[in-house]
Amino acid sequence: MTIRALCVDDEPLARQGLALALKQHPDFELVADYGSVEDALAAVHGDIDVLFLDIEMPRQSGFDLLKVWPRPLPLVVFVTAYNQYALKAFEEQALDYVLKPIDHERFAAVADRIRSQLEKDRRELEADDLVAAVESLKRKLARKEAAISVKTDEGYFRVELQDLLYIEAAGDHTFLYLPGRHLITRQTLKHYRDELADHDFHQVHKSVMVNAKHVVKASPLKFSDYELELTDGTKVRMSRRYKPALATLLPS
């Protein structure tokens, strides 16, 4: 892995010294060096892994640069002739603080620390990505396999959510429509809105919720309403109040 480095120091000899130190470590690449904060900020450069930064420079300091550097910050190593800034440097989350002139043995330790931190960050990122992928898969499987129990006057029925087309409230009853049949329950529409909050069901009218997976077409009507067509050919009215849900129901 190539470690991309950037140097900002107003002293040309200091920049040359850092370049020579980095040449002893082939896995480091000095992408660019700048003599001022202004020049560094004006330049366009890609992702940087580590920033070697002087503190006392004309007009703006290294601390000033960190305030405006795009987030997230790269690793920061201060390279300076002054030791009185060490506390503030570590308060700025610096990885290390190196005094000039650069001692090659000391710099080798800094390079090892940079490698270790980048490897740690990489492992943590991979772990986060893995956790996110597992959670996403679990949600997909849960949605695919999810079912609800519907209480009716005739008893309890298991309803696979993937088969449920839409739900409609009418008076004291709620109708759950499936291909070729429907169930009638005394549970309210709000009950199902809460129960299905983590699934792909959306309210499209004050008395209707639809399964987004079964919406195949939306046709405009008068007064900014829409007519939704479902996979079984059923047509459901969508009132303008719920129009923002269209982007979810029929993503472009």
Protein backbone atom coordinates (compact mmCIF):
# COMPACT_ATOMS: atom_id res chain seq x y z
CA MET A 1 0.00 0.00 0.00
CA THR A 2 1.36 3.41 -0.99
CA ILE A 3 1.05 6.05 1.72
CA ARG A 4 0.38 9.43 0.14
CA ALA A 5 2.00 12.32 2.00
CA LEU A 6 1.81 16.10 1.74
CA CYS A 7 4.20 18.62 3.30
CA VAL A 8 3.48 22.24 4.20
CA ASP A 9 6.50 24.17 5.51
CA ASP A 10 7.77 27.65 4.70
CA GLU A 11 11.43 26.56 4.93
CA PRO A 12 12.78 25.03 1.67
CA LEU A 13 15.52 23.15 3.54
CA ALA A 14 12.95 21.61 5.87
CA ARG A 15 10.89 20.42 2.89
CA GLN A 16 14.02 18.94 1.31
CA GLY A 17 14.89 17.23 4.59
CA LEU A 18 11.45 15.64 4.79
CA ALA A 19 11.69 14.49 1.18
CA LEU A 20 15.04 12.81 1.92
CA ALA A 21 13.63 11.17 5.04
CA LEU A 22 10.67 9.79 3.09
CA LYS A 23 12.96 8.32 0.43
CA GLN A 24 14.18 5.90 3.09
CA HIS A 25 10.65 4.48 3.18
CA PRO A 26 9.60 3.26 -0.30
CA ASP A 27 5.98 2.79 0.70
CA PHE A 28 5.64 6.56 1.19
CA GLU A 29 4.99 8.93 -1.71
CA LEU A 30 5.48 12.67 -1.29
CA VAL A 31 2.65 13.90 -3.49
CA ALA A 32 3.51 17.59 -3.15
CA ASP A 33 5.08 20.15 -0.85
CA TYR A 34 4.07 23.76 -0.31
CA GLY A 35 5.73 26.77 1.27
CA SER A 36 2.58 28.33 2.70
CA VAL A 37 -0.89 27.52 3.94
CA GLU A 38 -2.38 29.57 1.09
CA ASP A 39 -0.55 27.56 -1.58
CA ALA A 40 -1.58 24.26 0.00
CA LEU A 41 -5.24 25.26 0.17
CA ALA A 42 -5.24 26.62 -3.38
CA ALA A 43 -3.88 23.37 -4.84
CA VAL A 44 -6.10 20.55 -6.01
CA HIS A 45 -4.88 17.16 -4.86
CA GLY A 46 -6.39 13.74 -4.32
CA ASP A 47 -6.75 11.76 -1.14
CA ILE A 48 -3.90 12.32 1.30
CA ASP A 49 -3.03 9.79 3.99
CA VAL A 50 -0.71 11.94 6.08
CA LEU A 51 -0.01 15.66 6.34
CA PHE A 52 3.43 16.79 7.54
CA LEU A 53 2.83 20.27 8.83
CA ASP A 54 4.96 23.10 10.16
CA ILE A 55 3.38 25.37 12.77
CA GLU A 56 4.94 28.85 12.60
CA MET A 57 4.64 30.16 9.05
CA PRO A 58 4.08 33.66 7.61
CA ARG A 59 0.48 34.92 7.53
CA GLN A 60 -1.18 31.63 8.57
CA SER A 61 -0.03 28.84 10.85
CA GLY A 62 -0.35 25.10 10.59
CA PHE A 63 -3.21 25.27 13.09
CA ASP A 64 -5.00 27.73 10.78
CA LEU A 65 -4.71 25.24 7.93
CA LEU A 66 -6.30 22.46 9.97
CA LYS A 67 -9.32 24.65 10.72
CA VAL A 68 -10.24 24.85 7.02
CA TRP A 69 -8.83 21.59 5.64
CA PRO A 70 -11.61 19.41 4.15
CA ARG A 71 -12.98 16.75 6.47
CA PRO A 72 -12.18 14.06 7.28
CA LEU A 73 -8.64 15.14 8.10
CA PRO A 74 -5.71 12.94 7.08
CA LEU A 75 -3.26 11.85 9.75
CA VAL A 76 -1.37 14.91 10.95
CA VAL A 77 2.29 14.97 11.97
CA PHE A 78 3.64 18.33 13.08
CA VAL A 79 7.27 18.98 12.13
CA THR A 80 8.53 22.11 13.86
CA ALA A 81 11.52 23.71 15.53
CA TYR A 82 9.46 24.66 18.59
CA ASN A 83 8.44 22.32 21.39
CA GLN A 84 6.02 24.72 23.12
CA TYR A 85 3.19 23.78 20.75
CA ALA A 86 3.18 20.08 21.58
CA LEU A 87 0.14 20.18 23.88
CA LYS A 88 -1.95 22.17 21.42
CA ALA A 89 -0.82 19.87 18.60
CA PHE A 90 -2.14 16.79 20.38
CA GLU A 91 -5.32 18.66 21.26
CA GLU A 92 -5.73 19.00 17.49
CA GLN A 93 -5.59 15.18 17.28
CA ALA A 94 -2.09 15.11 15.81
CA LEU A 95 -0.64 11.63 15.42
CA ASP A 96 2.88 12.79 16.27
CA TYR A 97 5.08 15.81 16.89
CA VAL A 98 8.61 15.88 15.46
CA LEU A 99 11.26 18.48 16.24
CA LYS A 100 13.59 19.84 13.56
CA PRO A 101 16.10 18.94 12.37
CA ILE A 102 14.65 15.55 11.51
CA ASP A 103 16.46 12.62 13.08
CA HIS A 104 16.20 9.60 10.77
CA GLU A 105 15.83 7.11 13.62
CA ARG A 106 13.07 9.21 15.15
CA PHE A 107 11.43 9.57 11.74
CA ALA A 108 11.51 5.79 11.23
CA ALA A 109 9.46 5.45 14.42
CA VAL A 110 7.01 8.05 13.09
CA ALA A 111 6.71 6.16 9.80
CA ASP A 112 5.94 2.94 11.67
CA ARG A 113 3.31 4.73 13.70
CA ILE A 114 1.70 6.08 10.54
CA ARG A 115 1.62 2.59 9.02
CA SER A 116 0.08 1.12 12.16
CA GLN A 117 -2.59 3.80 12.39
CA LEU A 118 -3.56 3.49 8.72
CA GLU A 119 -3.76 -0.29 9.05
CA LYS A 120 -5.93 0.08 12.14
CA ASP A 121 -8.19 2.55 10.33
CA ARG A 122 -8.42 0.18 7.34
CA ARG A 123 -9.41 -2.77 9.54
CA GLU A 124 -12.00 -0.69 11.37
CA LEU A 125 -13.45 0.52 8.07
CA GLU A 126 -13.61 -3.04 6.73
CA ALA A 127 -15.27 -4.17 9.96
CA ASP A 128 -17.81 -1.34 9.73
CA ASP A 129 -18.51 -2.22 6.09
CA LEU A 130 -18.97 -5.87 7.02
CA VAL A 131 -21.36 -5.01 9.85
CA ALA A 132 -23.32 -2.72 7.53
CA ALA A 133 -23.50 -5.44 4.86
CA VAL A 134 -24.69 -8.03 7.37
CA GLU A 135 -27.33 -5.67 8.77
CA SER A 136 -28.50 -4.84 5.25
CA LEU A 137 -28.77 -8.53 4.40
CA LYS A 138 -30.68 -9.22 7.61
CA ARG A 139 -33.13 -6.43 6.78
CA LYS A 140 -33.60 -7.79 3.26
CA LEU A 141 -34.19 -11.30 4.54
CA ALA A 142 -36.57 -10.02 7.20
CA ARG A 143 -38.56 -8.13 4.59
CA LYS A 144 -38.58 -11.15 2.29
CA GLU A 145 -39.67 -13.60 4.97
CA ALA A 146 -41.82 -11.24 7.04
CA ALA A 147 -45.39 -12.11 7.85
CA ILE A 148 -48.04 -10.74 10.17
CA SER A 149 -50.86 -12.33 12.07
CA VAL A 150 -54.28 -10.89 11.24
CA LYS A 151 -57.12 -11.28 13.71
CA THR A 152 -60.57 -11.61 12.15
CA ASP A 153 -63.96 -12.72 13.46
CA GLU A 154 -63.20 -16.16 12.00
CA GLY A 155 -59.82 -16.50 13.72
CA TYR A 156 -56.18 -15.65 13.13
CA PHE A 157 -54.59 -15.75 9.68
CA ARG A 158 -50.92 -15.61 8.72
CA VAL A 159 -50.31 -13.10 5.92
CA GLU A 160 -47.04 -13.01 4.02
CA LEU A 161 -46.17 -9.36 3.51
CA GLN A 162 -44.88 -10.02 0.01
CA ASP A 163 -48.43 -11.12 -0.94
CA LEU A 164 -50.24 -8.20 0.69
CA LEU A 165 -51.34 -5.73 -2.01
CA TYR A 166 -52.91 -2.92 0.00
CA ILE A 167 -54.84 -2.13 3.16
CA GLU A 168 -58.00 -0.04 3.30
CA ALA A 169 -59.93 1.27 6.29
CA ALA A 170 -63.72 1.46 6.01
CA GLY A 171 -65.78 2.43 9.03
CA ASP A 172 -65.01 0.16 11.98
CA HIS A 173 -63.21 -2.39 9.84
CA THR A 174 -59.98 -2.66 7.90
CA PHE A 175 -59.65 -4.72 4.72
CA LEU A 176 -56.39 -6.44 3.81
CA TYR A 177 -56.29 -7.27 0.10
CA LEU A 178 -54.33 -10.22 -1.26
CA PRO A 179 -54.42 -11.76 -4.75
CA GLY A 180 -57.91 -13.19 -5.22
CA ARG A 181 -59.10 -12.66 -1.64
CA HIS A 182 -59.29 -10.27 1.28
CA LEU A 183 -59.44 -10.38 5.07
CA ILE A 184 -61.56 -8.18 7.32
CA THR A 185 -60.30 -7.14 10.74
CA ARG A 186 -61.28 -4.70 13.46
CA GLN A 187 -57.69 -3.50 13.82
CA THR A 188 -57.26 0.12 12.74
CA LEU A 189 -55.20 1.43 9.84
CA LYS A 190 -52.94 3.12 12.38
CA HIS A 191 -52.26 -0.28 13.91
CA TYR A 192 -50.92 -1.53 10.58
CA ARG A 193 -49.09 1.70 9.86
CA ASP A 194 -47.15 1.19 13.09
CA GLU A 195 -46.69 -2.55 12.60
CA LEU A 196 -45.39 -2.13 9.05
CA ALA A 197 -43.24 0.94 9.70
CA ASP A 198 -40.03 -0.98 8.93
CA HIS A 199 -41.42 -2.50 5.75
CA ASP A 200 -42.10 -1.07 2.33
CA PHE A 201 -45.70 0.00 2.95
CA HIS A 202 -46.77 3.60 2.40
CA GLN A 203 -49.91 5.54 3.13
CA VAL A 204 -51.33 7.07 -0.07
CA HIS A 205 -54.72 8.18 1.23
CA LYS A 206 -56.18 8.84 4.66
CA SER A 207 -57.75 5.37 4.49
CA VAL A 208 -55.32 3.42 2.28
CA MET A 209 -51.81 1.95 2.53
CA VAL A 210 -50.11 0.18 -0.36
CA ASN A 211 -47.26 -2.29 -0.68
CA ALA A 212 -44.66 -0.43 -2.77
CA LYS A 213 -43.52 -3.70 -4.34
CA HIS A 214 -46.91 -4.06 -6.01
CA VAL A 215 -47.18 -0.54 -7.47
CA VAL A 216 -46.50 -0.62 -11.21
CA LYS A 217 -47.93 2.66 -12.50
CA ALA A 218 -49.06 6.10 -11.34
CA SER A 219 -51.42 8.13 -13.54
CA PRO A 220 -52.21 11.80 -12.79
CA LEU A 221 -55.80 12.77 -12.04
CA LYS A 222 -57.50 16.10 -11.42
CA PHE A 223 -56.58 18.24 -8.42
CA SER A 224 -53.05 16.75 -8.28
CA ASP A 225 -54.30 13.32 -7.21
CA TYR A 226 -52.93 10.12 -8.74
CA GLU A 227 -54.30 6.71 -9.62
CA LEU A 228 -51.98 3.87 -8.65
CA GLU A 229 -52.13 0.60 -10.54
CA LEU A 230 -51.09 -2.54 -8.68
CA THR A 231 -49.68 -5.80 -10.00
CA ASP A 232 -53.10 -7.50 -9.98
CA GLY A 233 -54.69 -4.65 -11.96
CA THR A 234 -56.35 -3.02 -8.95
CA LYS A 235 -56.45 0.78 -9.08
CA VAL A 236 -56.05 2.82 -5.89
CA ARG A 237 -56.44 6.56 -5.52
CA MET A 238 -53.51 8.54 -4.12
CA SER A 239 -54.40 11.95 -2.68
CA ARG A 240 -52.13 14.93 -3.28
CA ARG A 241 -51.29 15.10 0.42
CA TYR A 242 -49.26 11.91 0.02
CA LYS A 243 -47.69 12.79 -3.34
CA PRO A 244 -44.12 12.93 -1.89
CA ALA A 245 -44.32 9.14 -1.46
CA LEU A 246 -44.32 8.74 -5.26
CA ALA A 247 -40.52 8.93 -5.37
CA THR A 248 -40.38 5.87 -3.12
CA LEU A 249 -43.20 3.97 -4.76
CA LEU A 250 -41.88 4.45 -8.29
CA PRO A 251 -38.20 5.47 -8.12
CA SER A 252 -36.81 6.90 -11.35
